[in-house]
Amino acid sequence: MKILILGAGATGGYFGARLVQASRDVTFLLRPARADLVREHGLALHSAHGDALLHPSVVTDAAEVPNADFVFLTCKAYDLASAVDAIAPAVGPHTTVVPFLNGMAHYDVLDARFGAARVLGGFCAVHATLDVDGSIRQWGRVHRIRFGERDGSPSRRVRALEAAFAETNCDWAASSDILGESWGKWIMLASMAGVLCLMRADLATVMAAPHGREIYDAAVEECCAVARATGHAPDPRVLDGIHRMCENATRDTTASMLRDLRAGHRVEADHTIGDMVRRATGFGIATPVLSAAYCHLKCYEALRDTG
């Protein structure tokens, strides 16, 4: 079974490395500079769950891996269009594309390009970053990856992925409600990233500020209202998790989008926050907090683009 993974950054590199450790047939599709680095120095992983130095198969053209069984998409949402073009030569009649992106808008893009039958559901969560030397640094307990048919049915290809991950050192599982779980993650992500970026502060600072918890709870409810309108009411465990996170927040409790914003990098404003606001508008749901956060991020993007 051939697995092609687009990119070897913090997310794709981490889960791909765990598959390589388990002796799976994994190839990374990389940009030339990244490919040269990995070929020369290997793929280094520094993790709370075990370090590794691996020498995986890498290519710079997906045509070198024709008719892959699975293609994992772990790119940033703003790179989705180019990512779809990059993986297309590897997608054959029996290839399954598995996206691990934030939000939900990417499914429309992938379905239009490859057909819904070729696109599995997936999401992941991992605290990881790419160091300046190209190594992957992962911290904390979270290294979760989920996949499943979007209609919830069992299938041969889901069982194949279960077998692929069976001996890996990560928190993996097949899901019979991958869309519902994905909405749960999106609620947590959009509310957290939206409020923290709007306030330019970590979660503990927001919780300690006047009206901070009130604003945060309002953002969560805006996301939940959209989820309920789409038929994916959040699991109570999602809301319990958000409550515990707020109660136990420290100065280190941040969102990756806030870290990107502080560093002057590109952000997933449209895919993570904007799409939630657009869906809310379609249902007639007011989103004052998320709309303010989206406006803030779009202003940041405009100023960043103009230097």
Protein backbone atom coordinates (compact mmCIF):
# COMPACT_ATOMS: atom_id res chain seq x y z
CA MET A 1 0.00 0.00 0.00
CA LYS A 2 1.55 3.28 -1.17
CA ILE A 3 0.99 6.46 0.84
CA LEU A 4 2.02 9.83 -0.57
CA ILE A 5 2.21 12.73 1.90
CA LEU A 6 2.29 16.28 0.62
CA GLY A 7 4.92 18.13 2.61
CA ALA A 8 7.11 17.27 5.58
CA GLY A 9 6.26 20.18 7.81
CA ALA A 10 5.15 20.04 11.41
CA THR A 11 1.95 18.12 10.73
CA GLY A 12 2.61 15.95 7.67
CA GLY A 13 6.18 15.37 8.75
CA TYR A 14 5.16 14.26 12.23
CA PHE A 15 2.49 11.73 11.27
CA GLY A 16 4.44 10.63 8.20
CA ALA A 17 7.47 9.98 10.40
CA ARG A 18 5.39 7.78 12.68
CA LEU A 19 4.26 5.76 9.65
CA VAL A 20 7.85 5.46 8.40
CA GLN A 21 8.89 4.23 11.85
CA ALA A 22 6.28 1.48 11.46
CA SER A 23 7.89 0.46 8.11
CA ARG A 24 4.98 1.65 5.97
CA ASP A 25 5.49 2.47 2.28
CA VAL A 26 5.49 6.26 2.63
CA THR A 27 6.81 8.85 0.20
CA PHE A 28 6.96 12.59 0.88
CA LEU A 29 6.19 15.03 -1.93
CA LEU A 30 8.42 18.02 -1.22
CA ARG A 31 9.66 21.24 -2.71
CA PRO A 32 13.20 20.87 -4.14
CA ALA A 33 14.99 22.66 -1.28
CA ARG A 34 13.17 20.67 1.39
CA ALA A 35 13.76 17.45 -0.55
CA ASP A 36 17.50 18.13 -0.73
CA LEU A 37 17.61 18.83 3.00
CA VAL A 38 15.79 15.61 3.91
CA ARG A 39 17.88 13.54 1.52
CA GLU A 40 21.12 14.91 2.94
CA HIS A 41 20.32 15.12 6.64
CA GLY A 42 17.26 12.92 7.09
CA LEU A 43 13.98 13.81 8.77
CA ALA A 44 14.65 14.54 12.44
CA LEU A 45 11.86 14.31 14.97
CA HIS A 46 12.16 15.60 18.55
CA SER A 47 9.05 14.54 20.41
CA ALA A 48 7.58 14.02 23.84
CA HIS A 49 6.55 10.62 22.47
CA GLY A 50 9.99 9.58 21.25
CA ASP A 51 12.73 11.02 19.03
CA ALA A 52 13.72 9.67 15.62
CA LEU A 53 16.05 10.33 12.73
CA LEU A 54 14.61 8.84 9.55
CA HIS A 55 15.60 8.66 5.90
CA PRO A 56 12.29 8.42 4.06
CA SER A 57 11.60 8.27 0.35
CA VAL A 58 11.11 11.76 -1.11
CA VAL A 59 10.08 13.06 -4.53
CA THR A 60 9.55 16.50 -6.01
CA ASP A 61 6.99 15.42 -8.60
CA ALA A 62 3.87 13.41 -7.77
CA ALA A 63 4.14 11.71 -11.16
CA GLU A 64 6.94 9.64 -9.61
CA VAL A 65 4.29 7.96 -7.41
CA PRO A 66 1.49 7.23 -9.87
CA ASN A 67 -1.73 5.63 -8.64
CA ALA A 68 -0.90 6.01 -4.95
CA ASP A 69 -3.34 4.20 -2.70
CA PHE A 70 -3.63 7.18 -0.36
CA VAL A 71 -2.60 10.82 -0.63
CA PHE A 72 -2.47 12.78 2.63
CA LEU A 73 -3.02 16.53 2.40
CA THR A 74 -1.54 18.39 5.36
CA CYS A 75 -0.92 21.80 3.82
CA LYS A 76 -2.14 25.16 5.07
CA ALA A 77 -5.54 26.09 3.66
CA TYR A 78 -4.14 29.10 1.79
CA ASP A 79 -1.95 26.67 -0.19
CA LEU A 80 -4.81 24.32 -1.09
CA ALA A 81 -5.12 25.30 -4.76
CA SER A 82 -1.44 24.68 -5.50
CA ALA A 83 -1.47 21.54 -3.34
CA VAL A 84 -4.33 20.06 -5.36
CA ASP A 85 -2.41 20.68 -8.58
CA ALA A 86 0.73 19.16 -7.06
CA ILE A 87 -0.89 15.87 -6.00
CA ALA A 88 -3.05 15.42 -9.11
CA PRO A 89 -0.51 13.27 -11.03
CA ALA A 90 -0.52 10.72 -8.20
CA VAL A 91 -4.30 10.42 -8.08
CA GLY A 92 -5.44 7.43 -10.10
CA PRO A 93 -8.79 5.66 -10.41
CA HIS A 94 -8.35 3.88 -7.07
CA THR A 95 -6.56 6.60 -5.12
CA THR A 96 -8.10 8.03 -1.96
CA VAL A 97 -7.29 11.61 -0.92
CA VAL A 98 -7.34 12.21 2.85
CA PRO A 99 -7.28 15.87 3.91
CA PHE A 100 -6.04 16.91 7.34
CA LEU A 101 -6.80 20.62 7.12
CA ASN A 102 -8.55 23.01 9.47
CA GLY A 103 -12.17 23.90 8.82
CA MET A 104 -14.43 22.30 6.23
CA ALA A 105 -14.22 24.37 3.03
CA HIS A 106 -11.54 22.17 1.50
CA TYR A 107 -14.03 19.36 0.91
CA ASP A 108 -15.82 21.41 -1.74
CA VAL A 109 -12.52 22.01 -3.54
CA LEU A 110 -11.40 18.38 -3.38
CA ASP A 111 -14.80 16.99 -4.35
CA ALA A 112 -14.91 19.26 -7.39
CA ARG A 113 -11.42 18.24 -8.52
CA PHE A 114 -11.33 14.51 -7.75
CA GLY A 115 -14.94 13.50 -7.07
CA ALA A 116 -16.48 13.02 -3.63
CA ALA A 117 -16.07 9.24 -3.80
CA ARG A 118 -12.28 9.65 -3.81
CA VAL A 119 -12.16 11.93 -0.75
CA LEU A 120 -12.16 10.52 2.76
CA GLY A 121 -12.81 12.55 5.90
CA GLY A 122 -9.94 13.38 8.21
CA PHE A 123 -8.55 15.75 10.80
CA CYS A 124 -5.63 15.87 13.18
CA ALA A 125 -4.32 17.82 16.15
CA VAL A 126 -0.68 17.97 17.16
CA HIS A 127 1.43 20.48 19.06
CA ALA A 128 4.41 20.71 16.74
CA THR A 129 6.56 23.17 14.87
CA LEU A 130 9.29 23.12 12.25
CA ASP A 131 12.65 24.26 13.60
CA VAL A 132 15.02 26.46 11.61
CA ASP A 133 17.22 23.43 10.87
CA GLY A 134 14.28 21.59 9.28
CA SER A 135 13.66 19.22 12.18
CA ILE A 136 10.21 18.69 13.66
CA ARG A 137 9.66 19.53 17.30
CA GLN A 138 6.55 18.14 19.01
CA TRP A 139 5.54 18.87 22.59
CA GLY A 140 2.71 17.96 24.93
CA ARG A 141 0.37 14.98 25.01
CA VAL A 142 -1.66 15.78 21.89
CA HIS A 143 -0.75 13.92 18.67
CA ARG A 144 -4.19 12.88 17.45
CA ILE A 145 -5.23 11.80 13.96
CA ARG A 146 -8.68 10.66 12.85
CA PHE A 147 -10.11 9.42 9.55
CA GLY A 148 -13.32 7.88 8.26
CA GLU A 149 -15.96 7.76 5.55
CA ARG A 150 -17.94 10.98 5.52
CA ASP A 151 -21.22 9.04 5.55
CA GLY A 152 -20.06 7.09 8.59
CA SER A 153 -20.03 3.71 6.88
CA PRO A 154 -17.33 1.07 7.36
CA SER A 155 -15.16 0.48 4.30
CA ARG A 156 -12.17 -1.42 3.00
CA ARG A 157 -10.09 1.73 2.66
CA VAL A 158 -10.75 2.78 6.26
CA ARG A 159 -9.70 -0.68 7.40
CA ALA A 160 -6.55 -0.30 5.27
CA LEU A 161 -5.69 2.94 7.06
CA GLU A 162 -6.36 1.30 10.41
CA ALA A 163 -3.86 -1.39 9.48
CA ALA A 164 -1.34 1.24 8.37
CA PHE A 165 -1.53 3.09 11.70
CA ALA A 166 -1.85 -0.04 13.84
CA GLU A 167 1.79 -0.08 14.96
CA THR A 168 2.44 3.65 14.99
CA ASN A 169 3.29 5.70 18.04
CA CYS A 170 0.47 8.21 17.78
CA ASP A 171 -3.12 8.62 18.92
CA TRP A 172 -4.99 7.34 15.87
CA ALA A 173 -8.53 6.07 15.34
CA ALA A 174 -11.09 5.47 12.63
CA SER A 175 -14.24 7.51 13.19
CA SER A 176 -17.84 6.64 12.35
CA ASP A 177 -18.71 10.35 12.67
CA ILE A 178 -15.75 12.10 11.09
CA LEU A 179 -17.76 15.17 10.04
CA GLY A 180 -19.24 15.59 13.51
CA GLU A 181 -15.81 15.29 15.10
CA SER A 182 -14.37 17.68 12.53
CA TRP A 183 -17.04 20.24 13.41
CA GLY A 184 -16.12 19.81 17.07
CA LYS A 185 -12.51 20.60 16.30
CA TRP A 186 -13.53 23.56 14.14
CA ILE A 187 -15.67 25.01 16.95
CA MET A 188 -12.72 24.84 19.31
CA LEU A 189 -10.26 26.18 16.75
CA ALA A 190 -12.34 29.04 15.30
CA SER A 191 -13.39 30.35 18.70
CA MET A 192 -9.91 30.11 20.19
CA ALA A 193 -7.99 31.46 17.19
CA GLY A 194 -10.59 34.15 16.60
CA VAL A 195 -10.59 35.55 20.13
CA LEU A 196 -6.86 35.21 20.78
CA CYS A 197 -5.95 36.87 17.48
CA LEU A 198 -8.52 39.62 18.05
CA MET A 199 -7.04 40.33 21.48
CA ARG A 200 -3.43 39.56 20.47
CA ALA A 201 -3.10 37.66 23.74
CA ASP A 202 -2.75 34.16 25.17
CA LEU A 203 -5.79 32.45 26.68
CA ALA A 204 -4.82 33.03 30.32
CA THR A 205 -4.51 36.77 29.68
CA VAL A 206 -7.91 36.85 27.98
CA MET A 207 -9.52 34.90 30.81
CA ALA A 208 -8.11 37.37 33.36
CA ALA A 209 -9.24 40.46 31.44
CA PRO A 210 -12.59 42.21 32.06
CA HIS A 211 -15.30 40.49 29.99
CA GLY A 212 -12.70 38.05 28.59
CA ARG A 213 -14.59 34.89 29.46
CA GLU A 214 -17.87 36.45 28.34
CA ILE A 215 -16.42 37.28 24.91
CA TYR A 216 -14.82 33.85 24.59
CA ASP A 217 -18.07 32.07 25.49
CA ALA A 218 -19.92 34.20 22.95
CA ALA A 219 -17.50 33.13 20.21
CA VAL A 220 -17.97 29.49 21.14
CA GLU A 221 -21.76 29.85 21.03
CA GLU A 222 -21.59 31.53 17.61
CA CYS A 223 -19.68 28.51 16.27
CA CYS A 224 -22.05 26.07 17.99
CA ALA A 225 -25.08 27.80 16.45
CA VAL A 226 -23.62 27.31 12.97
CA ALA A 227 -22.80 23.67 13.71
CA ARG A 228 -26.34 23.01 14.95
CA ALA A 229 -27.79 24.69 11.84
CA THR A 230 -25.80 22.30 9.63
CA GLY A 231 -26.99 19.25 11.57
CA HIS A 232 -23.79 18.73 13.55
CA ALA A 233 -24.67 19.79 17.09
CA PRO A 234 -21.48 19.67 19.16
CA ASP A 235 -20.80 16.70 21.39
CA PRO A 236 -21.04 17.84 25.04
CA ARG A 237 -17.50 16.54 25.50
CA VAL A 238 -16.26 19.23 23.09
CA LEU A 239 -17.82 21.96 25.21
CA ASP A 240 -16.52 20.35 28.41
CA GLY A 241 -13.03 20.34 26.88
CA ILE A 242 -13.29 24.02 25.99
CA HIS A 243 -14.46 24.81 29.53
CA ARG A 244 -11.55 22.91 31.08
CA MET A 245 -9.10 24.61 28.74
CA CYS A 246 -10.37 28.03 29.80
CA GLU A 247 -10.30 27.12 33.49
CA ASN A 248 -6.75 25.74 33.30
CA ALA A 249 -5.27 28.21 30.82
CA THR A 250 -1.68 29.37 31.22
CA ARG A 251 0.40 31.95 29.37
CA ASP A 252 1.51 29.09 27.10
CA THR A 253 -2.07 28.35 26.01
CA THR A 254 -2.16 29.93 22.57
CA ALA A 255 -3.36 29.21 19.04
CA SER A 256 -1.05 28.48 16.12
CA MET A 257 -2.74 31.29 14.20
CA LEU A 258 -1.76 33.73 16.94
CA ARG A 259 1.83 32.51 16.74
CA ASP A 260 1.78 32.98 12.97
CA LEU A 261 0.28 36.45 13.33
CA ARG A 262 2.90 37.51 15.87
CA ALA A 263 5.65 36.24 13.57
CA GLY A 264 4.26 38.15 10.59
CA HIS A 265 3.38 34.97 8.69
CA ARG A 266 0.36 34.16 6.56
CA VAL A 267 -2.77 33.09 8.44
CA GLU A 268 -5.78 30.90 7.63
CA ALA A 269 -8.25 33.73 8.12
CA ASP A 270 -10.65 32.80 5.31
CA HIS A 271 -10.70 29.03 5.85
CA THR A 272 -10.90 28.99 9.65
CA ILE A 273 -12.81 32.15 10.60
CA GLY A 274 -14.21 33.58 7.38
CA ASP A 275 -15.93 30.40 6.27
CA MET A 276 -17.64 30.06 9.67
CA VAL A 277 -18.91 33.65 9.35
CA ARG A 278 -20.09 33.04 5.78
CA ARG A 279 -22.03 29.93 6.81
CA ALA A 280 -23.55 31.82 9.72
CA THR A 281 -24.69 34.59 7.39
CA GLY A 282 -26.36 32.01 5.18
CA PHE A 283 -28.37 30.76 8.16
CA GLY A 284 -29.17 34.26 9.44
CA ILE A 285 -27.00 33.76 12.53
CA ALA A 286 -25.33 36.83 14.03
CA THR A 287 -21.60 36.46 14.76
CA PRO A 288 -20.40 39.75 16.28
CA VAL A 289 -17.27 38.29 17.90
CA LEU A 290 -16.20 36.12 14.97
CA SER A 291 -16.97 38.93 12.51
CA ALA A 292 -14.75 41.31 14.49
CA ALA A 293 -11.99 38.70 14.57
CA TYR A 294 -12.31 38.11 10.83
CA CYS A 295 -12.18 41.83 10.12
CA HIS A 296 -9.09 42.12 12.30
CA LEU A 297 -7.35 39.29 10.44
CA LYS A 298 -8.25 40.65 7.00
CA CYS A 299 -6.82 44.04 8.02
CA TYR A 300 -3.66 42.26 9.14
CA GLU A 301 -3.44 40.47 5.78
CA ALA A 302 -3.98 43.69 3.82
CA LEU A 303 -1.29 45.55 5.75
CA ARG A 304 1.08 42.58 5.53
CA ASP A 305 0.63 42.34 1.74
CA THR A 306 1.34 46.05 1.27
CA GLY A 307 4.46 45.91 3.45
